[in-house]
PDB file of N, CA and C in Angstrom:
ATOM      1  N   MET A   1     -74.900 246.882 -17.831  1.00  0.00           N
ATOM      2  CA  MET A   1     -76.147 247.257 -18.456  1.00  0.00           C
ATOM      3  C   MET A   1     -76.077 248.686 -18.973  1.00  0.00           C
ATOM      4  N   VAL A   2     -75.170 248.927 -19.860  1.00  0.00           N
ATOM      5  CA  VAL A   2     -75.018 250.242 -20.445  1.00  0.00           C
ATOM      6  C   VAL A   2     -76.282 250.635 -21.202  1.00  0.00           C
ATOM      7  N   GLY A   3     -76.891 249.688 -21.913  1.00  0.00           N
ATOM      8  CA  GLY A   3     -78.085 249.969 -22.693  1.00  0.00           C
ATOM      9  C   GLY A   3     -79.255 250.409 -21.841  1.00  0.00           C
ATOM     10  N   LEU A   4     -79.396 249.816 -20.667  1.00  0.00           N
ATOM     11  CA  LEU A   4     -80.515 250.151 -19.802  1.00  0.00           C
ATOM     12  C   LEU A   4     -80.372 251.559 -19.240  1.00  0.00           C
ATOM     13  N   THR A   5     -79.145 252.007 -18.990  1.00  0.00           N
ATOM     14  CA  THR A   5     -78.954 253.362 -18.495  1.00  0.00           C
ATOM     15  C   THR A   5     -79.230 254.395 -19.583  1.00  0.00           C
ATOM     16  N   LYS A   6     -79.124 254.004 -20.847  1.00  0.00           N
ATOM     17  CA  LYS A   6     -79.490 254.907 -21.944  1.00  0.00           C
ATOM     18  C   LYS A   6     -80.988 255.129 -21.995  1.00  0.00           C
ATOM     19  N   VAL A   7     -81.755 254.133 -21.557  1.00  0.00           N
ATOM     20  CA  VAL A   7     -83.209 254.160 -21.678  1.00  0.00           C
ATOM     21  C   VAL A   7     -83.875 254.741 -20.441  1.00  0.00           C
ATOM     22  N   LEU A   8     -83.441 254.324 -19.257  1.00  0.00           N
ATOM     23  CA  LEU A   8     -84.091 254.739 -18.015  1.00  0.00           C
ATOM     24  C   LEU A   8     -83.381 255.923 -17.377  1.00  0.00           C
ATOM     25  N   LYS A   9     -84.164 256.875 -16.897  1.00  0.00           N
ATOM     26  CA  LYS A   9     -83.581 258.014 -16.193  1.00  0.00           C
ATOM     27  C   LYS A   9     -83.195 257.626 -14.775  1.00  0.00           C
ATOM     28  N   ASN A  10     -84.138 257.028 -14.033  1.00  0.00           N
ATOM     29  CA  ASN A  10     -83.829 256.555 -12.686  1.00  0.00           C
ATOM     30  C   ASN A  10     -83.909 255.035 -12.692  1.00  0.00           C
ATOM     31  N   LYS A  11     -82.749 254.428 -12.756  1.00  0.00           N
ATOM     32  CA  LYS A  11     -82.653 252.979 -12.871  1.00  0.00           C
ATOM     33  C   LYS A  11     -82.983 252.326 -11.530  1.00  0.00           C
ATOM     34  N   PRO A  12     -83.775 251.242 -11.536  1.00  0.00           N
ATOM     35  CA  PRO A  12     -84.101 250.541 -10.295  1.00  0.00           C
ATOM     36  C   PRO A  12     -82.873 249.894  -9.662  1.00  0.00           C
ATOM     37  N   LYS A  13     -83.043 249.415  -8.441  1.00  0.00           N
ATOM     38  CA  LYS A  13     -81.941 248.782  -7.723  1.00  0.00           C
ATOM     39  C   LYS A  13     -81.493 247.508  -8.426  1.00  0.00           C
ATOM     40  N   GLY A  14     -80.218 247.214  -8.330  1.00  0.00           N
ATOM     41  CA  GLY A  14     -79.632 246.066  -9.009  1.00  0.00           C
ATOM     42  C   GLY A  14     -80.188 244.727  -8.572  1.00  0.00           C
ATOM     43  N   LYS A  15     -80.465 244.578  -7.256  1.00  0.00           N
ATOM     44  CA  LYS A  15     -80.984 243.301  -6.754  1.00  0.00           C
ATOM     45  C   LYS A  15     -82.337 242.975  -7.372  1.00  0.00           C
ATOM     46  N   ILE A  16     -83.180 243.970  -7.461  1.00  0.00           N
ATOM     47  CA  ILE A  16     -84.515 243.771  -8.033  1.00  0.00           C
ATOM     48  C   ILE A  16     -84.400 243.405  -9.505  1.00  0.00           C
ATOM     49  N   LEU A  17     -83.561 244.120 -10.250  1.00  0.00           N
ATOM     50  CA  LEU A  17     -83.382 243.836 -11.669  1.00  0.00           C
ATOM     51  C   LEU A  17     -82.834 242.435 -11.895  1.00  0.00           C
ATOM     52  N   ARG A  18     -81.832 242.048 -11.138  1.00  0.00           N
ATOM     53  CA  ARG A  18     -81.238 240.710 -11.296  1.00  0.00           C
ATOM     54  C   ARG A  18     -82.260 239.618 -11.010  1.00  0.00           C
ATOM     55  N   LYS A  19     -83.070 239.806  -9.965  1.00  0.00           N
ATOM     56  CA  LYS A  19     -84.076 238.810  -9.613  1.00  0.00           C
ATOM     57  C   LYS A  19     -85.113 238.674 -10.726  1.00  0.00           C
ATOM     58  N   LEU A  20     -85.624 239.796 -11.226  1.00  0.00           N
ATOM     59  CA  LEU A  20     -86.642 239.757 -12.275  1.00  0.00           C
ATOM     60  C   LEU A  20     -86.085 239.179 -13.570  1.00  0.00           C
ATOM     61  N   ARG A  21     -84.871 239.569 -13.934  1.00  0.00           N
ATOM     62  CA  ARG A  21     -84.262 239.048 -15.155  1.00  0.00           C
ATOM     63  C   ARG A  21     -84.076 237.540 -15.081  1.00  0.00           C
ATOM     64  N   SER A  22     -83.626 237.058 -13.946  1.00  0.00           N
ATOM     65  CA  SER A  22     -83.400 235.620 -13.831  1.00  0.00           C
ATOM     66  C   SER A  22     -84.711 234.838 -13.824  1.00  0.00           C
ATOM     67  N   GLN A  23     -85.752 235.396 -13.213  1.00  0.00           N
ATOM     68  CA  GLN A  23     -87.042 234.714 -13.158  1.00  0.00           C
ATOM     69  C   GLN A  23     -87.702 234.627 -14.523  1.00  0.00           C
ATOM     70  N   TYR A  24     -87.627 235.693 -15.293  1.00  0.00           N
ATOM     71  CA  TYR A  24     -88.405 235.791 -16.519  1.00  0.00           C
ATOM     72  C   TYR A  24     -87.569 235.733 -17.797  1.00  0.00           C
ATOM     73  N   TYR A  25     -86.350 235.246 -17.713  1.00  0.00           N
ATOM     74  CA  TYR A  25     -85.474 235.163 -18.878  1.00  0.00           C
ATOM     75  C   TYR A  25     -86.038 234.227 -19.948  1.00  0.00           C
ATOM     76  N   ASP A  26     -86.660 233.136 -19.532  1.00  0.00           N
ATOM     77  CA  ASP A  26     -87.086 232.083 -20.454  1.00  0.00           C
ATOM     78  C   ASP A  26     -88.483 232.257 -21.030  1.00  0.00           C
ATOM     79  N   ILE A  27     -89.218 233.300 -20.651  1.00  0.00           N
ATOM     80  CA  ILE A  27     -90.572 233.430 -21.197  1.00  0.00           C
ATOM     81  C   ILE A  27     -90.502 233.767 -22.684  1.00  0.00           C
ATOM     82  N   LYS A  28     -91.530 233.361 -23.400  1.00  0.00           N
ATOM     83  CA  LYS A  28     -91.567 233.600 -24.843  1.00  0.00           C
ATOM     84  C   LYS A  28     -92.147 234.986 -25.127  1.00  0.00           C
ATOM     85  N   PRO A  29     -91.663 235.641 -26.180  1.00  0.00           N
ATOM     86  CA  PRO A  29     -92.205 236.947 -26.547  1.00  0.00           C
ATOM     87  C   PRO A  29     -93.685 236.856 -26.919  1.00  0.00           C
ATOM     88  N   THR A  30     -94.453 237.812 -26.452  1.00  0.00           N
ATOM     89  CA  THR A  30     -95.891 237.819 -26.736  1.00  0.00           C
ATOM     90  C   THR A  30     -96.292 238.961 -27.660  1.00  0.00           C
ATOM     91  N   ILE A  31     -95.395 239.924 -27.863  1.00  0.00           N
ATOM     92  CA  ILE A  31     -95.709 241.087 -28.694  1.00  0.00           C
ATOM     93  C   ILE A  31     -94.552 241.346 -29.653  1.00  0.00           C
ATOM     94  N   ASN A  32     -94.889 241.699 -30.894  1.00  0.00           N
ATOM     95  CA  ASN A  32     -93.892 242.053 -31.899  1.00  0.00           C
ATOM     96  C   ASN A  32     -94.053 243.510 -32.305  1.00  0.00           C
ATOM     97  N   ILE A  33     -92.930 244.217 -32.408  1.00  0.00           N
ATOM     98  CA  ILE A  33     -92.947 245.571 -32.936  1.00  0.00           C
ATOM     99  C   ILE A  33     -92.533 245.465 -34.392  1.00  0.00           C
ATOM    100  N   GLY A  34     -93.419 245.879 -35.280  1.00  0.00           N
ATOM    101  CA  GLY A  34     -93.158 245.756 -36.706  1.00  0.00           C
ATOM    102  C   GLY A  34     -93.302 247.075 -37.422  1.00  0.00           C
ATOM    103  N   LYS A  35     -93.738 246.992 -38.671  1.00  0.00           N
ATOM    104  CA  LYS A  35     -93.878 248.180 -39.521  1.00  0.00           C
ATOM    105  C   LYS A  35     -94.889 249.179 -38.977  1.00  0.00           C
ATOM    106  N   SER A  36     -95.899 248.686 -38.270  1.00  0.00           N
ATOM    107  CA  SER A  36     -96.935 249.585 -37.763  1.00  0.00           C
ATOM    108  C   SER A  36     -96.399 250.532 -36.699  1.00  0.00           C
ATOM    109  N   GLY A  37     -95.286 250.190 -36.092  1.00  0.00           N
ATOM    110  CA  GLY A  37     -94.627 251.089 -35.158  1.00  0.00           C
ATOM    111  C   GLY A  37     -95.005 250.863 -33.698  1.00  0.00           C
ATOM    112  N   ILE A  38     -94.527 251.764 -32.875  1.00  0.00           N
ATOM    113  CA  ILE A  38     -94.667 251.633 -31.434  1.00  0.00           C
ATOM    114  C   ILE A  38     -96.055 252.024 -30.953  1.00  0.00           C
ATOM    115  N   ASP A  39     -96.669 252.988 -31.598  1.00  0.00           N
ATOM    116  CA  ASP A  39     -97.972 253.490 -31.136  1.00  0.00           C
ATOM    117  C   ASP A  39     -99.033 252.401 -31.098  1.00  0.00           C
ATOM    118  N   LYS A  40     -99.008 251.497 -32.042  1.00  0.00           N
ATOM    119  CA  LYS A  40     -99.987 250.414 -32.089  1.00  0.00           C
ATOM    120  C   LYS A  40     -99.746 249.384 -30.985  1.00  0.00           C
ATOM    121  N   VAL A  41     -98.523 249.285 -30.519  1.00  0.00           N
ATOM    122  CA  VAL A  41     -98.132 248.243 -29.584  1.00  0.00           C
ATOM    123  C   VAL A  41     -98.341 248.656 -28.122  1.00  0.00           C
ATOM    124  N   ILE A  42     -98.316 249.941 -27.854  1.00  0.00           N
ATOM    125  CA  ILE A  42     -98.404 250.433 -26.477  1.00  0.00           C
ATOM    126  C   ILE A  42     -99.661 249.930 -25.777  1.00  0.00           C
ATOM    127  N   GLU A  43    -100.788 250.011 -26.443  1.00  0.00           N
ATOM    128  CA  GLU A  43    -102.050 249.581 -25.846  1.00  0.00           C
ATOM    129  C   GLU A  43    -102.030 248.081 -25.531  1.00  0.00           C
ATOM    130  N   GLN A  44    -101.444 247.284 -26.424  1.00  0.00           N
ATOM    131  CA  GLN A  44    -101.340 245.841 -26.187  1.00  0.00           C
ATOM    132  C   GLN A  44    -100.463 245.547 -24.970  1.00  0.00           C
ATOM    133  N   ILE A  45     -99.356 246.263 -24.851  1.00  0.00           N
ATOM    134  CA  ILE A  45     -98.458 246.057 -23.709  1.00  0.00           C
ATOM    135  C   ILE A  45     -99.165 246.415 -22.407  1.00  0.00           C
ATOM    136  N   GLU A  46     -99.859 247.550 -22.395  1.00  0.00           N
ATOM    137  CA  GLU A  46    -100.581 247.973 -21.187  1.00  0.00           C
ATOM    138  C   GLU A  46    -101.626 246.936 -20.785  1.00  0.00           C
ATOM    139  N   ASN A  47    -102.362 246.401 -21.765  1.00  0.00           N
ATOM    140  CA  ASN A  47    -103.372 245.384 -21.469  1.00  0.00           C
ATOM    141  C   ASN A  47    -102.743 244.107 -20.921  1.00  0.00           C
ATOM    142  N   GLN A  48    -101.632 243.695 -21.484  1.00  0.00           N
ATOM    143  CA  GLN A  48    -100.985 242.473 -21.009  1.00  0.00           C
ATOM    144  C   GLN A  48    -100.361 242.658 -19.628  1.00  0.00           C
ATOM    145  N   LEU A  49     -99.904 243.871 -19.311  1.00  0.00           N
ATOM    146  CA  LEU A  49     -99.333 244.117 -17.992  1.00  0.00           C
ATOM    147  C   LEU A  49    -100.398 244.090 -16.899  1.00  0.00           C
ATOM    148  N   LYS A  50    -101.652 244.313 -17.261  1.00  0.00           N
ATOM    149  CA  LYS A  50    -102.730 244.193 -16.282  1.00  0.00           C
ATOM    150  C   LYS A  50    -102.920 242.735 -15.870  1.00  0.00           C
ATOM    151  N   VAL A  51    -102.701 241.814 -16.821  1.00  0.00           N
ATOM    152  CA  VAL A  51    -102.910 240.393 -16.581  1.00  0.00           C
ATOM    153  C   VAL A  51    -101.630 239.713 -16.088  1.00  0.00           C
ATOM    154  N   ARG A  52    -100.502 240.053 -16.686  1.00  0.00           N
ATOM    155  CA  ARG A  52     -99.223 239.416 -16.369  1.00  0.00           C
ATOM    156  C   ARG A  52     -98.328 240.381 -15.613  1.00  0.00           C
ATOM    157  N   GLU A  53     -97.303 239.831 -14.992  1.00  0.00           N
ATOM    158  CA  GLU A  53     -96.340 240.675 -14.301  1.00  0.00           C
ATOM    159  C   GLU A  53     -95.273 241.204 -15.249  1.00  0.00           C
ATOM    160  N   VAL A  54     -94.887 240.370 -16.214  1.00  0.00           N
ATOM    161  CA  VAL A  54     -93.810 240.714 -17.138  1.00  0.00           C
ATOM    162  C   VAL A  54     -94.226 240.357 -18.560  1.00  0.00           C
ATOM    163  N   VAL A  55     -93.859 241.229 -19.510  1.00  0.00           N
ATOM    164  CA  VAL A  55     -94.150 241.018 -20.930  1.00  0.00           C
ATOM    165  C   VAL A  55     -92.832 241.099 -21.693  1.00  0.00           C
ATOM    166  N   LYS A  56     -92.666 240.197 -22.654  1.00  0.00           N
ATOM    167  CA  LYS A  56     -91.471 240.217 -23.498  1.00  0.00           C
ATOM    168  C   LYS A  56     -91.872 240.670 -24.895  1.00  0.00           C
ATOM    169  N   VAL A  57     -91.115 241.620 -25.427  1.00  0.00           N
ATOM    170  CA  VAL A  57     -91.403 242.218 -26.730  1.00  0.00           C
ATOM    171  C   VAL A  57     -90.241 241.930 -27.670  1.00  0.00           C
ATOM    172  N   THR A  58     -90.554 241.602 -28.914  1.00  0.00           N
ATOM    173  CA  THR A  58     -89.543 241.382 -29.946  1.00  0.00           C
ATOM    174  C   THR A  58     -89.616 242.508 -30.971  1.00  0.00           C
ATOM    175  N   ILE A  59     -88.462 242.989 -31.391  1.00  0.00           N
ATOM    176  CA  ILE A  59     -88.390 243.995 -32.445  1.00  0.00           C
ATOM    177  C   ILE A  59     -88.053 243.286 -33.746  1.00  0.00           C
ATOM    178  N   ASN A  60     -88.858 243.493 -34.780  1.00  0.00           N
ATOM    179  CA  ASN A  60     -88.575 242.874 -36.079  1.00  0.00           C
ATOM    180  C   ASN A  60     -87.299 243.436 -36.685  1.00  0.00           C
ATOM    181  N   LYS A  61     -86.641 242.632 -37.498  1.00  0.00           N
ATOM    182  CA  LYS A  61     -85.380 243.038 -38.113  1.00  0.00           C
ATOM    183  C   LYS A  61     -85.557 244.233 -39.043  1.00  0.00           C
ATOM    184  N   ASN A  62     -86.703 244.301 -39.714  1.00  0.00           N
ATOM    185  CA  ASN A  62     -86.929 245.394 -40.678  1.00  0.00           C
ATOM    186  C   ASN A  62     -86.927 246.756 -40.003  1.00  0.00           C
ATOM    187  N   ILE A  63     -87.491 246.851 -38.826  1.00  0.00           N
ATOM    188  CA  ILE A  63     -87.543 248.139 -38.138  1.00  0.00           C
ATOM    189  C   ILE A  63     -86.168 248.516 -37.577  1.00  0.00           C
ATOM    190  N   LEU A  64     -85.331 247.525 -37.304  1.00  0.00           N
ATOM    191  CA  LEU A  64     -83.984 247.820 -36.799  1.00  0.00           C
ATOM    192  C   LEU A  64     -83.095 248.450 -37.864  1.00  0.00           C
ATOM    193  N   ARG A  65     -83.424 248.245 -39.124  1.00  0.00           N
ATOM    194  CA  ARG A  65     -82.661 248.892 -40.185  1.00  0.00           C
ATOM    195  C   ARG A  65     -82.892 250.392 -40.189  1.00  0.00           C
ATOM    196  N   MET A  66     -84.089 250.796 -39.733  1.00  0.00           N
ATOM    197  CA  MET A  66     -84.438 252.216 -39.727  1.00  0.00           C
ATOM    198  C   MET A  66     -84.030 252.912 -38.423  1.00  0.00           C
ATOM    199  N   GLU A  67     -84.104 252.192 -37.295  1.00  0.00           N
ATOM    200  CA  GLU A  67     -83.852 252.802 -35.992  1.00  0.00           C
ATOM    201  C   GLU A  67     -82.966 251.918 -35.137  1.00  0.00           C
ATOM    202  N   ASP A  68     -82.336 252.528 -34.150  1.00  0.00           N
ATOM    203  CA  ASP A  68     -81.522 251.812 -33.179  1.00  0.00           C
ATOM    204  C   ASP A  68     -82.434 251.177 -32.132  1.00  0.00           C
ATOM    205  N   ARG A  69     -82.053 250.033 -31.614  1.00  0.00           N
ATOM    206  CA  ARG A  69     -82.905 249.346 -30.637  1.00  0.00           C
ATOM    207  C   ARG A  69     -83.046 250.138 -29.341  1.00  0.00           C
ATOM    208  N   PHE A  70     -82.042 250.908 -28.985  1.00  0.00           N
ATOM    209  CA  PHE A  70     -82.131 251.712 -27.768  1.00  0.00           C
ATOM    210  C   PHE A  70     -83.088 252.892 -27.959  1.00  0.00           C
ATOM    211  N   ASN A  71     -83.142 253.442 -29.162  1.00  0.00           N
ATOM    212  CA  ASN A  71     -84.115 254.504 -29.444  1.00  0.00           C
ATOM    213  C   ASN A  71     -85.533 253.965 -29.379  1.00  0.00           C
ATOM    214  N   ILE A  72     -85.731 252.769 -29.886  1.00  0.00           N
ATOM    215  CA  ILE A  72     -87.054 252.139 -29.823  1.00  0.00           C
ATOM    216  C   ILE A  72     -87.439 251.900 -28.365  1.00  0.00           C
ATOM    217  N   ALA A  73     -86.504 251.385 -27.570  1.00  0.00           N
ATOM    218  CA  ALA A  73     -86.777 251.129 -26.156  1.00  0.00           C
ATOM    219  C   ALA A  73     -87.060 252.432 -25.404  1.00  0.00           C
ATOM    220  N   LYS A  74     -86.344 253.482 -25.742  1.00  0.00           N
ATOM    221  CA  LYS A  74     -86.563 254.780 -25.100  1.00  0.00           C
ATOM    222  C   LYS A  74     -87.954 255.319 -25.420  1.00  0.00           C
ATOM    223  N   GLN A  75     -88.378 255.195 -26.669  1.00  0.00           N
ATOM    224  CA  GLN A  75     -89.725 255.619 -27.053  1.00  0.00           C
ATOM    225  C   GLN A  75     -90.784 254.803 -26.325  1.00  0.00           C
ATOM    226  N   LEU A  76     -90.544 253.508 -26.205  1.00  0.00           N
ATOM    227  CA  LEU A  76     -91.470 252.644 -25.469  1.00  0.00           C
ATOM    228  C   LEU A  76     -91.589 253.096 -24.019  1.00  0.00           C
ATOM    229  N   GLN A  77     -90.452 253.331 -23.369  1.00  0.00           N
ATOM    230  CA  GLN A  77     -90.444 253.717 -21.962  1.00  0.00           C
ATOM    231  C   GLN A  77     -91.172 255.041 -21.738  1.00  0.00           C
ATOM    232  N   GLU A  78     -91.004 255.984 -22.651  1.00  0.00           N
ATOM    233  CA  GLU A  78     -91.664 257.288 -22.521  1.00  0.00           C
ATOM    234  C   GLU A  78     -93.177 257.168 -22.627  1.00  0.00           C
ATOM    235  N   LYS A  79     -93.660 256.240 -23.435  1.00  0.00           N
ATOM    236  CA  LYS A  79     -95.093 256.115 -23.678  1.00  0.00           C
ATOM    237  C   LYS A  79     -95.795 255.158 -22.725  1.00  0.00           C
ATOM    238  N   LEU A  80     -95.033 254.287 -22.053  1.00  0.00           N
ATOM    239  CA  LEU A  80     -95.640 253.335 -21.121  1.00  0.00           C
ATOM    240  C   LEU A  80     -96.041 254.039 -19.830  1.00  0.00           C
ATOM    241  N   LYS A  81     -97.211 253.681 -19.321  1.00  0.00           N
ATOM    242  CA  LYS A  81     -97.688 254.257 -18.064  1.00  0.00           C
ATOM    243  C   LYS A  81     -97.500 253.293 -16.904  1.00  0.00           C
ATOM    244  N   SER A  82     -97.759 252.017 -17.129  1.00  0.00           N
ATOM    245  CA  SER A  82     -97.731 251.065 -16.025  1.00  0.00           C
ATOM    246  C   SER A  82     -96.571 250.074 -16.112  1.00  0.00           C
ATOM    247  N   GLY A  83     -95.604 250.332 -16.980  1.00  0.00           N
ATOM    248  CA  GLY A  83     -94.503 249.386 -17.146  1.00  0.00           C
ATOM    249  C   GLY A  83     -93.140 250.045 -17.141  1.00  0.00           C
ATOM    250  N   VAL A  84     -92.125 249.227 -16.835  1.00  0.00           N
ATOM    251  CA  VAL A  84     -90.733 249.672 -16.826  1.00  0.00           C
ATOM    252  C   VAL A  84     -89.906 248.641 -17.575  1.00  0.00           C
ATOM    253  N   ILE A  85     -89.022 249.101 -18.424  1.00  0.00           N
ATOM    254  CA  ILE A  85     -88.119 248.195 -19.135  1.00  0.00           C
ATOM    255  C   ILE A  85     -87.048 247.724 -18.156  1.00  0.00           C
ATOM    256  N   ILE A  86     -86.912 246.398 -18.042  1.00  0.00           N
ATOM    257  CA  ILE A  86     -85.926 245.856 -17.104  1.00  0.00           C
ATOM    258  C   ILE A  86     -84.758 245.174 -17.798  1.00  0.00           C
ATOM    259  N   ASP A  87     -84.890 244.907 -19.100  1.00  0.00           N
ATOM    260  CA  ASP A  87     -83.788 244.239 -19.792  1.00  0.00           C
ATOM    261  C   ASP A  87     -83.904 244.441 -21.293  1.00  0.00           C
ATOM    262  N   ILE A  88     -82.764 244.634 -21.936  1.00  0.00           N
ATOM    263  CA  ILE A  88     -82.683 244.722 -23.394  1.00  0.00           C
ATOM    264  C   ILE A  88     -81.562 243.788 -23.813  1.00  0.00           C
ATOM    265  N   ARG A  89     -81.926 242.750 -24.566  1.00  0.00           N
ATOM    266  CA  ARG A  89     -80.921 241.807 -25.072  1.00  0.00           C
ATOM    267  C   ARG A  89     -81.200 241.564 -26.536  1.00  0.00           C
ATOM    268  N   GLY A  90     -80.323 242.038 -27.370  1.00  0.00           N
ATOM    269  CA  GLY A  90     -80.523 241.875 -28.807  1.00  0.00           C
ATOM    270  C   GLY A  90     -81.789 242.565 -29.250  1.00  0.00           C
ATOM    271  N   ARG A  91     -82.712 241.802 -29.842  1.00  0.00           N
ATOM    272  CA  ARG A  91     -83.981 242.370 -30.305  1.00  0.00           C
ATOM    273  C   ARG A  91     -85.112 242.160 -29.307  1.00  0.00           C
ATOM    274  N   LYS A  92     -84.805 241.668 -28.119  1.00  0.00           N
ATOM    275  CA  LYS A  92     -85.819 241.379 -27.102  1.00  0.00           C
ATOM    276  C   LYS A  92     -85.782 242.443 -26.003  1.00  0.00           C
ATOM    277  N   ILE A  93     -86.975 242.884 -25.605  1.00  0.00           N
ATOM    278  CA  ILE A  93     -87.116 243.854 -24.526  1.00  0.00           C
ATOM    279  C   ILE A  93     -88.045 243.249 -23.485  1.00  0.00           C
ATOM    280  N   LEU A  94     -87.620 243.257 -22.229  1.00  0.00           N
ATOM    281  CA  LEU A  94     -88.404 242.720 -21.133  1.00  0.00           C
ATOM    282  C   LEU A  94     -88.991 243.888 -20.347  1.00  0.00           C
ATOM    283  N   ILE A  95     -90.318 243.892 -20.201  1.00  0.00           N
ATOM    284  CA  ILE A  95     -91.028 244.982 -19.537  1.00  0.00           C
ATOM    285  C   ILE A  95     -91.789 244.417 -18.345  1.00  0.00           C
ATOM    286  N   ALA A  96     -91.628 245.049 -17.178  1.00  0.00           N
ATOM    287  CA  ALA A  96     -92.318 244.600 -15.963  1.00  0.00           C
ATOM    288  C   ALA A  96     -93.241 245.700 -15.460  1.00  0.00           C
ATOM    289  N   ARG A  97     -94.191 245.290 -14.623  1.00  0.00           N
ATOM    290  CA  ARG A  97     -95.067 246.261 -13.956  1.00  0.00           C
ATOM    291  C   ARG A  97     -94.251 247.165 -13.066  1.00  0.00           C
ATOM    292  N   LYS A  98     -94.645 248.417 -12.946  1.00  0.00           N
ATOM    293  CA  LYS A  98     -93.930 249.361 -12.084  1.00  0.00           C
ATOM    294  C   LYS A  98     -93.974 248.915 -10.629  1.00  0.00           C
ATOM    295  N   SER A  99     -95.089 248.300 -10.220  1.00  0.00           N
ATOM    296  CA  SER A  99     -95.215 247.877  -8.822  1.00  0.00           C
ATOM    297  C   SER A  99     -94.212 246.783  -8.450  1.00  0.00           C
ATOM    298  N   LEU A 100     -93.763 246.001  -9.421  1.00  0.00           N
ATOM    299  CA  LEU A 100     -92.743 244.982  -9.160  1.00  0.00           C
ATOM    300  C   LEU A 100     -91.353 245.587  -9.021  1.00  0.00           C
ATOM    301  N   VAL A 101     -91.094 246.572  -9.859  1.00  0.00           N
ATOM    302  CA  VAL A 101     -89.757 247.151  -9.915  1.00  0.00           C
ATOM    303  C   VAL A 101     -89.540 248.190  -8.823  1.00  0.00           C
ATOM    304  N   TYR A 102     -90.553 248.990  -8.564  1.00  0.00           N
ATOM    305  CA  TYR A 102     -90.478 250.030  -7.539  1.00  0.00           C
ATOM    306  C   TYR A 102     -91.485 249.728  -6.434  1.00  0.00           C
ATOM    307  N   PRO A 103     -91.166 248.778  -5.537  1.00  0.00           N
ATOM    308  CA  PRO A 103     -92.125 248.450  -4.481  1.00  0.00           C
ATOM    309  C   PRO A 103     -92.260 249.613  -3.500  1.00  0.00           C
ATOM    310  N   SER A 104     -93.463 249.799  -3.026  1.00  0.00           N
ATOM    311  CA  SER A 104     -93.695 250.937  -2.111  1.00  0.00           C
ATOM    312  C   SER A 104     -93.468 250.579  -0.666  1.00  0.00           C
TER     313      SER A 104
END
């Protein structure tokens, strides 16, 4: 997971990440990042994380021509308050609640 270490400063434990990735690999994306950018999407992600445990985000191809997917994921992680990126595969980003990833 070289890409995930580029995005997260303190990466969660491997067991937790593997469990979450395997559980939520098949869910369908509910949010798209498009021309409007990341700022418009942050509020939607936060609202969905209140209801769901994990949210899957898709990056449109047009925005990938302008930016790298890891830069987009890094910007997302910096702006998210209640979520943590747990997986980046191609144009899909999997975001989980912080309470799932960092149990107290």
